[in-house]
């Protein structure tokens, strides 16, 4: 209720989707950028501009999504978009997983490429061999 605009992102989504075995210690949650924040135990808040919300809104998974990705009651980024978003300039130090940290099906790499395009980000060198 404190952050009605909260969106699950990052490693929280990747782990829940089975794309990594790395278990996050805290939920990674995007919140609308504001002057001050109320700290939430067990969560890392990532301030995002309204433009980011406008970009990702059509792709959000709802808490009762068809892919059965646990969202803890939050809207969530799809896994490919969650991975790409880790490389956005969000003002926090995000985890940048290497290819060895990820367990992504070959067919899902095209979604990763599309996600970087949606966020208007360059695909990091470490993933280029997988997205081409």
N, C-alpha and C. Protein backbone atom coordinates (compact mmCIF):
# COMPACT_ATOMS: atom_id res chain seq x y z
N UNK A 1 0.82 -1.19 0.00
CA UNK A 1 0.00 0.00 0.00
C UNK A 1 0.87 1.26 0.00
N UNK A 2 2.08 1.15 0.53
CA UNK A 2 2.98 2.31 0.56
C UNK A 2 3.42 2.65 -0.86
N UNK A 3 3.62 1.63 -1.69
CA UNK A 3 4.06 1.83 -3.07
C UNK A 3 3.08 1.13 -4.02
N UNK A 4 1.98 1.77 -4.34
CA UNK A 4 1.00 1.12 -5.22
C UNK A 4 1.53 0.89 -6.63
N UNK A 5 2.63 1.55 -6.97
CA UNK A 5 3.23 1.42 -8.30
C UNK A 5 4.33 0.37 -8.33
N UNK A 6 4.53 -0.40 -7.26
CA UNK A 6 5.62 -1.36 -7.15
C UNK A 6 5.55 -2.42 -8.24
N UNK A 7 6.74 -2.75 -8.79
CA UNK A 7 6.87 -3.78 -9.83
C UNK A 7 8.06 -4.66 -9.46
N UNK A 8 7.86 -5.96 -9.42
CA UNK A 8 8.94 -6.90 -9.15
C UNK A 8 9.88 -6.91 -10.35
N UNK A 9 11.19 -6.88 -10.08
CA UNK A 9 12.17 -6.78 -11.16
C UNK A 9 13.43 -7.58 -10.81
N UNK A 10 14.39 -7.51 -11.71
CA UNK A 10 15.73 -8.03 -11.46
C UNK A 10 15.82 -9.49 -11.09
N UNK A 11 16.77 -9.76 -10.18
CA UNK A 11 17.06 -11.14 -9.80
C UNK A 11 15.87 -11.82 -9.15
N UNK A 12 14.96 -11.06 -8.56
CA UNK A 12 13.75 -11.66 -7.98
C UNK A 12 12.95 -12.36 -9.07
N UNK A 13 12.81 -11.72 -10.20
CA UNK A 13 12.08 -12.31 -11.33
C UNK A 13 12.88 -13.45 -11.95
N UNK A 14 14.17 -13.23 -12.16
CA UNK A 14 15.00 -14.25 -12.81
C UNK A 14 15.01 -15.56 -12.01
N UNK A 15 15.13 -15.46 -10.71
CA UNK A 15 15.12 -16.67 -9.88
C UNK A 15 13.76 -17.36 -9.93
N UNK A 16 12.69 -16.59 -9.79
CA UNK A 16 11.35 -17.17 -9.79
C UNK A 16 10.98 -17.79 -11.12
N UNK A 17 11.58 -17.31 -12.21
CA UNK A 17 11.31 -17.86 -13.53
C UNK A 17 12.21 -19.06 -13.84
N UNK A 18 13.16 -19.36 -12.95
CA UNK A 18 14.07 -20.46 -13.18
C UNK A 18 15.22 -20.12 -14.10
N UNK A 19 15.46 -18.83 -14.32
CA UNK A 19 16.54 -18.41 -15.20
C UNK A 19 17.88 -18.32 -14.49
N UNK A 20 17.89 -18.42 -13.16
CA UNK A 20 19.13 -18.44 -12.41
C UNK A 20 18.91 -19.24 -11.13
N UNK A 21 19.99 -19.86 -10.66
CA UNK A 21 19.92 -20.57 -9.39
C UNK A 21 20.35 -19.66 -8.25
N UNK A 22 20.83 -18.47 -8.56
CA UNK A 22 21.21 -17.51 -7.52
C UNK A 22 19.95 -17.11 -6.75
N UNK A 23 19.97 -17.29 -5.46
CA UNK A 23 18.80 -16.97 -4.65
C UNK A 23 18.97 -15.57 -4.07
N UNK A 24 18.10 -14.64 -4.48
CA UNK A 24 18.23 -13.28 -3.95
C UNK A 24 17.87 -13.24 -2.47
N UNK A 25 18.59 -12.41 -1.74
CA UNK A 25 18.33 -12.27 -0.31
C UNK A 25 17.20 -11.30 -0.02
N UNK A 26 16.92 -10.42 -0.99
CA UNK A 26 15.87 -9.42 -0.83
C UNK A 26 15.08 -9.34 -2.12
N UNK A 27 13.81 -8.95 -2.02
CA UNK A 27 13.03 -8.69 -3.22
C UNK A 27 13.56 -7.42 -3.89
N UNK A 28 13.62 -7.43 -5.19
CA UNK A 28 14.06 -6.26 -5.95
C UNK A 28 12.80 -5.65 -6.56
N UNK A 29 12.47 -4.44 -6.12
CA UNK A 29 11.20 -3.83 -6.50
C UNK A 29 11.43 -2.44 -7.08
N UNK A 30 10.86 -2.20 -8.25
CA UNK A 30 10.87 -0.87 -8.85
C UNK A 30 9.75 -0.06 -8.22
N UNK A 31 10.04 1.21 -7.93
CA UNK A 31 9.03 2.14 -7.41
C UNK A 31 9.17 3.46 -8.16
N UNK A 32 8.09 4.16 -8.25
CA UNK A 32 8.10 5.45 -8.93
C UNK A 32 9.03 6.41 -8.19
N UNK A 33 9.88 7.07 -8.96
CA UNK A 33 10.85 8.01 -8.39
C UNK A 33 10.12 9.10 -7.61
N UNK A 34 10.64 9.43 -6.43
CA UNK A 34 10.06 10.47 -5.58
C UNK A 34 11.17 11.07 -4.71
N UNK A 35 10.84 12.03 -3.90
CA UNK A 35 11.85 12.71 -3.08
C UNK A 35 12.35 11.85 -1.93
N UNK A 36 11.47 11.11 -1.31
CA UNK A 36 11.88 10.28 -0.17
C UNK A 36 11.17 8.93 -0.25
N UNK A 37 11.75 7.98 0.46
CA UNK A 37 11.25 6.61 0.42
C UNK A 37 11.11 6.05 1.82
N UNK A 38 10.12 5.21 2.00
CA UNK A 38 9.96 4.46 3.24
C UNK A 38 10.65 3.12 3.03
N UNK A 39 11.57 2.79 3.90
CA UNK A 39 12.31 1.54 3.79
C UNK A 39 11.39 0.36 4.08
N UNK A 40 11.55 -0.67 3.29
CA UNK A 40 10.79 -1.91 3.49
C UNK A 40 11.79 -3.02 3.75
N UNK A 41 11.67 -3.66 4.90
CA UNK A 41 12.57 -4.78 5.20
C UNK A 41 12.42 -5.85 4.13
N UNK A 42 13.52 -6.48 3.83
CA UNK A 42 13.55 -7.58 2.85
C UNK A 42 13.31 -7.12 1.42
N UNK A 43 13.45 -5.82 1.13
CA UNK A 43 13.26 -5.33 -0.24
C UNK A 43 14.31 -4.29 -0.58
N UNK A 44 14.78 -4.33 -1.81
CA UNK A 44 15.62 -3.29 -2.37
C UNK A 44 14.75 -2.50 -3.32
N UNK A 45 14.68 -1.19 -3.11
CA UNK A 45 13.85 -0.34 -3.95
C UNK A 45 14.69 0.28 -5.06
N UNK A 46 14.20 0.21 -6.27
CA UNK A 46 14.86 0.79 -7.43
C UNK A 46 13.98 1.91 -7.97
N UNK A 47 14.37 3.17 -7.76
CA UNK A 47 13.56 4.29 -8.26
C UNK A 47 13.54 4.30 -9.79
N UNK A 48 12.36 4.46 -10.35
CA UNK A 48 12.18 4.50 -11.80
C UNK A 48 11.33 5.70 -12.18
N UNK A 49 11.64 6.28 -13.31
CA UNK A 49 10.89 7.43 -13.81
C UNK A 49 9.56 6.98 -14.42
N UNK A 50 8.65 7.91 -14.56
CA UNK A 50 7.34 7.60 -15.15
C UNK A 50 7.51 7.06 -16.58
N UNK A 51 8.50 7.54 -17.31
CA UNK A 51 8.74 7.06 -18.68
C UNK A 51 9.04 5.56 -18.69
N UNK A 52 9.76 5.08 -17.69
CA UNK A 52 10.05 3.64 -17.59
C UNK A 52 8.75 2.86 -17.41
N UNK A 53 7.89 3.35 -16.51
CA UNK A 53 6.60 2.70 -16.30
C UNK A 53 5.78 2.68 -17.59
N UNK A 54 5.78 3.77 -18.31
CA UNK A 54 5.04 3.83 -19.58
C UNK A 54 5.56 2.80 -20.57
N UNK A 55 6.88 2.60 -20.57
CA UNK A 55 7.49 1.64 -21.49
C UNK A 55 7.17 0.20 -21.11
N UNK A 56 7.25 -0.14 -19.83
CA UNK A 56 7.09 -1.55 -19.42
C UNK A 56 5.65 -1.96 -19.16
N UNK A 57 4.76 -1.03 -18.96
CA UNK A 57 3.37 -1.35 -18.58
C UNK A 57 2.72 -2.41 -19.49
N UNK A 58 2.86 -2.32 -20.84
CA UNK A 58 2.18 -3.32 -21.68
C UNK A 58 2.70 -4.75 -21.50
N UNK A 59 3.88 -4.90 -20.91
CA UNK A 59 4.51 -6.22 -20.81
C UNK A 59 4.38 -6.86 -19.43
N UNK A 60 3.89 -6.12 -18.44
CA UNK A 60 3.89 -6.60 -17.06
C UNK A 60 3.09 -7.88 -16.89
N UNK A 61 3.63 -8.77 -16.07
CA UNK A 61 2.92 -9.96 -15.65
C UNK A 61 2.12 -9.59 -14.41
N UNK A 62 0.91 -9.99 -14.35
CA UNK A 62 0.06 -9.71 -13.18
C UNK A 62 0.22 -10.85 -12.18
N UNK A 63 -0.13 -10.63 -10.91
CA UNK A 63 0.05 -11.67 -9.90
C UNK A 63 -0.56 -13.02 -10.26
N UNK A 64 -1.56 -13.05 -11.10
CA UNK A 64 -2.14 -14.31 -11.54
C UNK A 64 -1.79 -14.52 -13.02
N UNK A 65 -0.48 -14.58 -13.31
CA UNK A 65 -0.04 -14.69 -14.70
C UNK A 65 -0.07 -16.13 -15.18
N UNK A 66 -0.15 -16.29 -16.48
CA UNK A 66 -0.28 -17.61 -17.08
C UNK A 66 1.03 -18.39 -17.09
N UNK A 67 2.16 -17.72 -16.83
CA UNK A 67 3.45 -18.40 -16.84
C UNK A 67 3.82 -18.99 -15.48
N UNK A 68 2.95 -18.79 -14.49
CA UNK A 68 3.18 -19.32 -13.14
C UNK A 68 4.49 -18.83 -12.52
N UNK A 69 4.90 -17.62 -12.85
CA UNK A 69 6.07 -17.04 -12.21
C UNK A 69 5.60 -16.37 -10.93
N UNK A 70 6.20 -16.75 -9.81
CA UNK A 70 5.79 -16.17 -8.53
C UNK A 70 6.09 -14.68 -8.53
N UNK A 71 5.10 -13.88 -8.23
CA UNK A 71 5.29 -12.43 -8.22
C UNK A 71 5.05 -11.83 -6.84
N UNK A 72 4.78 -12.65 -5.85
CA UNK A 72 4.59 -12.18 -4.48
C UNK A 72 3.49 -11.13 -4.38
N UNK A 73 2.52 -11.21 -5.28
CA UNK A 73 1.41 -10.27 -5.26
C UNK A 73 1.67 -8.96 -5.98
N UNK A 74 2.84 -8.81 -6.58
CA UNK A 74 3.18 -7.60 -7.33
C UNK A 74 3.03 -7.84 -8.82
N UNK A 75 2.74 -6.80 -9.60
CA UNK A 75 2.99 -6.92 -11.03
C UNK A 75 4.50 -7.16 -11.20
N UNK A 76 4.90 -7.87 -12.23
CA UNK A 76 6.32 -8.20 -12.41
C UNK A 76 6.73 -8.04 -13.86
N UNK A 77 8.00 -7.71 -14.05
CA UNK A 77 8.56 -7.72 -15.40
C UNK A 77 8.66 -9.16 -15.87
N UNK A 78 8.47 -9.42 -17.15
CA UNK A 78 8.76 -10.75 -17.67
C UNK A 78 10.28 -11.00 -17.53
N UNK A 79 10.71 -12.25 -17.48
CA UNK A 79 12.13 -12.52 -17.24
C UNK A 79 13.10 -11.81 -18.19
N UNK A 80 12.82 -11.82 -19.48
CA UNK A 80 13.73 -11.17 -20.43
C UNK A 80 13.85 -9.68 -20.15
N UNK A 81 12.74 -9.04 -19.85
CA UNK A 81 12.75 -7.61 -19.54
C UNK A 81 13.44 -7.36 -18.20
N UNK A 82 13.27 -8.28 -17.24
CA UNK A 82 13.94 -8.14 -15.94
C UNK A 82 15.45 -8.21 -16.11
N UNK A 83 15.92 -9.09 -16.99
CA UNK A 83 17.35 -9.18 -17.24
C UNK A 83 17.87 -7.90 -17.89
N UNK A 84 17.19 -7.45 -18.92
CA UNK A 84 17.63 -6.23 -19.61
C UNK A 84 17.61 -5.03 -18.66
N UNK A 85 16.58 -4.95 -17.83
CA UNK A 85 16.45 -3.81 -16.92
C UNK A 85 17.59 -3.73 -15.91
N UNK A 86 18.23 -4.85 -15.60
CA UNK A 86 19.38 -4.82 -14.70
C UNK A 86 20.51 -3.96 -15.27
N UNK A 87 20.49 -3.73 -16.57
CA UNK A 87 21.54 -2.94 -17.22
C UNK A 87 21.11 -1.49 -17.45
N UNK A 88 19.92 -1.12 -16.98
CA UNK A 88 19.50 0.27 -17.11
C UNK A 88 20.19 1.10 -16.03
N UNK A 89 20.22 2.37 -16.22
CA UNK A 89 20.83 3.27 -15.24
C UNK A 89 19.76 3.62 -14.21
N UNK A 90 19.64 2.80 -13.17
CA UNK A 90 18.56 3.00 -12.20
C UNK A 90 19.01 3.71 -10.93
N UNK A 91 20.28 4.04 -10.83
CA UNK A 91 20.74 4.72 -9.63
C UNK A 91 21.11 3.77 -8.50
N UNK A 92 20.89 2.48 -8.69
CA UNK A 92 21.32 1.50 -7.69
C UNK A 92 22.29 0.54 -8.36
N UNK A 93 23.08 -0.13 -7.56
CA UNK A 93 24.04 -1.08 -8.11
C UNK A 93 23.33 -2.41 -8.33
N UNK A 94 22.96 -2.67 -9.55
CA UNK A 94 22.28 -3.92 -9.90
C UNK A 94 23.29 -5.03 -10.18
N UNK A 95 22.84 -6.23 -9.97
CA UNK A 95 23.61 -7.42 -10.30
C UNK A 95 23.63 -7.58 -11.81
N UNK A 96 24.79 -7.84 -12.38
CA UNK A 96 24.93 -8.08 -13.81
C UNK A 96 25.39 -9.52 -14.01
N UNK A 97 24.45 -10.45 -14.15
CA UNK A 97 24.82 -11.86 -14.23
C UNK A 97 25.59 -12.20 -15.49
N UNK A 98 26.58 -13.04 -15.32
CA UNK A 98 27.31 -13.57 -16.47
C UNK A 98 26.52 -14.71 -17.09
N UNK A 99 26.89 -15.11 -18.29
CA UNK A 99 26.18 -16.23 -18.93
C UNK A 99 26.18 -17.50 -18.08
N UNK A 100 27.24 -17.72 -17.28
CA UNK A 100 27.29 -18.92 -16.43
C UNK A 100 26.30 -18.85 -15.27
N UNK A 101 25.84 -17.65 -14.94
CA UNK A 101 24.86 -17.47 -13.86
C UNK A 101 23.43 -17.70 -14.34
N UNK A 102 23.26 -17.81 -15.65
CA UNK A 102 21.93 -17.88 -16.24
C UNK A 102 21.65 -19.25 -16.83
N UNK A 103 20.41 -19.66 -16.75
CA UNK A 103 19.95 -20.90 -17.36
C UNK A 103 18.76 -20.53 -18.26
N UNK A 104 19.09 -20.05 -19.45
CA UNK A 104 18.08 -19.55 -20.38
C UNK A 104 18.02 -20.47 -21.59
N UNK A 105 16.82 -20.89 -21.94
CA UNK A 105 16.64 -21.72 -23.13
C UNK A 105 17.08 -20.93 -24.36
N UNK A 106 17.61 -21.63 -25.36
CA UNK A 106 18.04 -20.96 -26.59
C UNK A 106 16.93 -20.12 -27.20
N UNK A 107 15.71 -20.63 -27.15
CA UNK A 107 14.59 -19.91 -27.75
C UNK A 107 14.24 -18.62 -27.00
N UNK A 108 14.64 -18.51 -25.73
CA UNK A 108 14.34 -17.31 -24.95
C UNK A 108 15.32 -16.17 -25.19
N UNK A 109 16.46 -16.45 -25.80
CA UNK A 109 17.44 -15.38 -26.04
C UNK A 109 16.91 -14.33 -27.02
N UNK A 110 16.01 -14.74 -27.93
CA UNK A 110 15.44 -13.72 -28.83
C UNK A 110 14.56 -12.75 -28.04
N UNK A 111 13.91 -13.25 -26.98
CA UNK A 111 13.13 -12.37 -26.10
C UNK A 111 14.05 -11.42 -25.33
N UNK A 112 15.24 -11.92 -24.96
CA UNK A 112 16.21 -11.06 -24.27
C UNK A 112 16.64 -9.93 -25.20
N UNK A 113 16.92 -10.26 -26.45
CA UNK A 113 17.31 -9.23 -27.43
C UNK A 113 16.20 -8.20 -27.58
N UNK A 114 14.97 -8.67 -27.71
CA UNK A 114 13.82 -7.77 -27.85
C UNK A 114 13.67 -6.88 -26.61
N UNK A 115 13.92 -7.45 -25.43
CA UNK A 115 13.80 -6.67 -24.18
C UNK A 115 14.82 -5.54 -24.14
N UNK A 116 16.05 -5.81 -24.56
CA UNK A 116 17.05 -4.74 -24.61
C UNK A 116 16.61 -3.66 -25.60
N UNK A 117 16.01 -4.08 -26.71
CA UNK A 117 15.51 -3.11 -27.69
C UNK A 117 14.37 -2.28 -27.11
N UNK A 118 13.45 -2.92 -26.39
CA UNK A 118 12.32 -2.20 -25.78
C UNK A 118 12.82 -1.11 -24.85
N UNK A 119 13.85 -1.44 -24.05
CA UNK A 119 14.39 -0.47 -23.09
C UNK A 119 15.44 0.45 -23.71
N UNK A 120 15.66 0.27 -25.00
CA UNK A 120 16.63 1.08 -25.74
C UNK A 120 18.02 1.01 -25.12
N UNK A 121 18.43 -0.23 -24.82
CA UNK A 121 19.73 -0.50 -24.23
C UNK A 121 20.54 -1.38 -25.18
N UNK A 122 21.83 -1.20 -25.18
CA UNK A 122 22.70 -2.06 -25.96
C UNK A 122 22.85 -3.40 -25.26
N UNK A 123 22.85 -4.47 -26.03
CA UNK A 123 23.07 -5.79 -25.46
C UNK A 123 24.53 -5.86 -24.99
N UNK A 124 24.76 -6.21 -23.73
CA UNK A 124 26.14 -6.30 -23.24
C UNK A 124 26.95 -7.34 -24.03
N UNK A 125 28.21 -7.08 -24.15
CA UNK A 125 29.11 -7.97 -24.89
C UNK A 125 28.97 -9.42 -24.43
N UNK A 126 28.81 -9.63 -23.14
CA UNK A 126 28.75 -10.99 -22.59
C UNK A 126 27.58 -11.80 -23.11
N UNK A 127 26.54 -11.14 -23.64
CA UNK A 127 25.36 -11.86 -24.14
C UNK A 127 25.28 -11.88 -25.66
N UNK A 128 26.11 -11.15 -26.34
CA UNK A 128 25.95 -10.99 -27.79
C UNK A 128 25.98 -12.29 -28.56
N UNK A 129 26.82 -13.21 -28.15
CA UNK A 129 26.88 -14.49 -28.89
C UNK A 129 25.58 -15.29 -28.76
N UNK A 130 24.81 -15.03 -27.72
CA UNK A 130 23.58 -15.77 -27.48
C UNK A 130 22.37 -15.15 -28.19
N UNK A 131 22.40 -13.85 -28.41
CA UNK A 131 21.23 -13.15 -28.99
C UNK A 131 21.30 -13.07 -30.50
N UNK A 132 22.42 -13.41 -31.09
CA UNK A 132 22.55 -13.33 -32.56
C UNK A 132 22.24 -14.64 -33.22
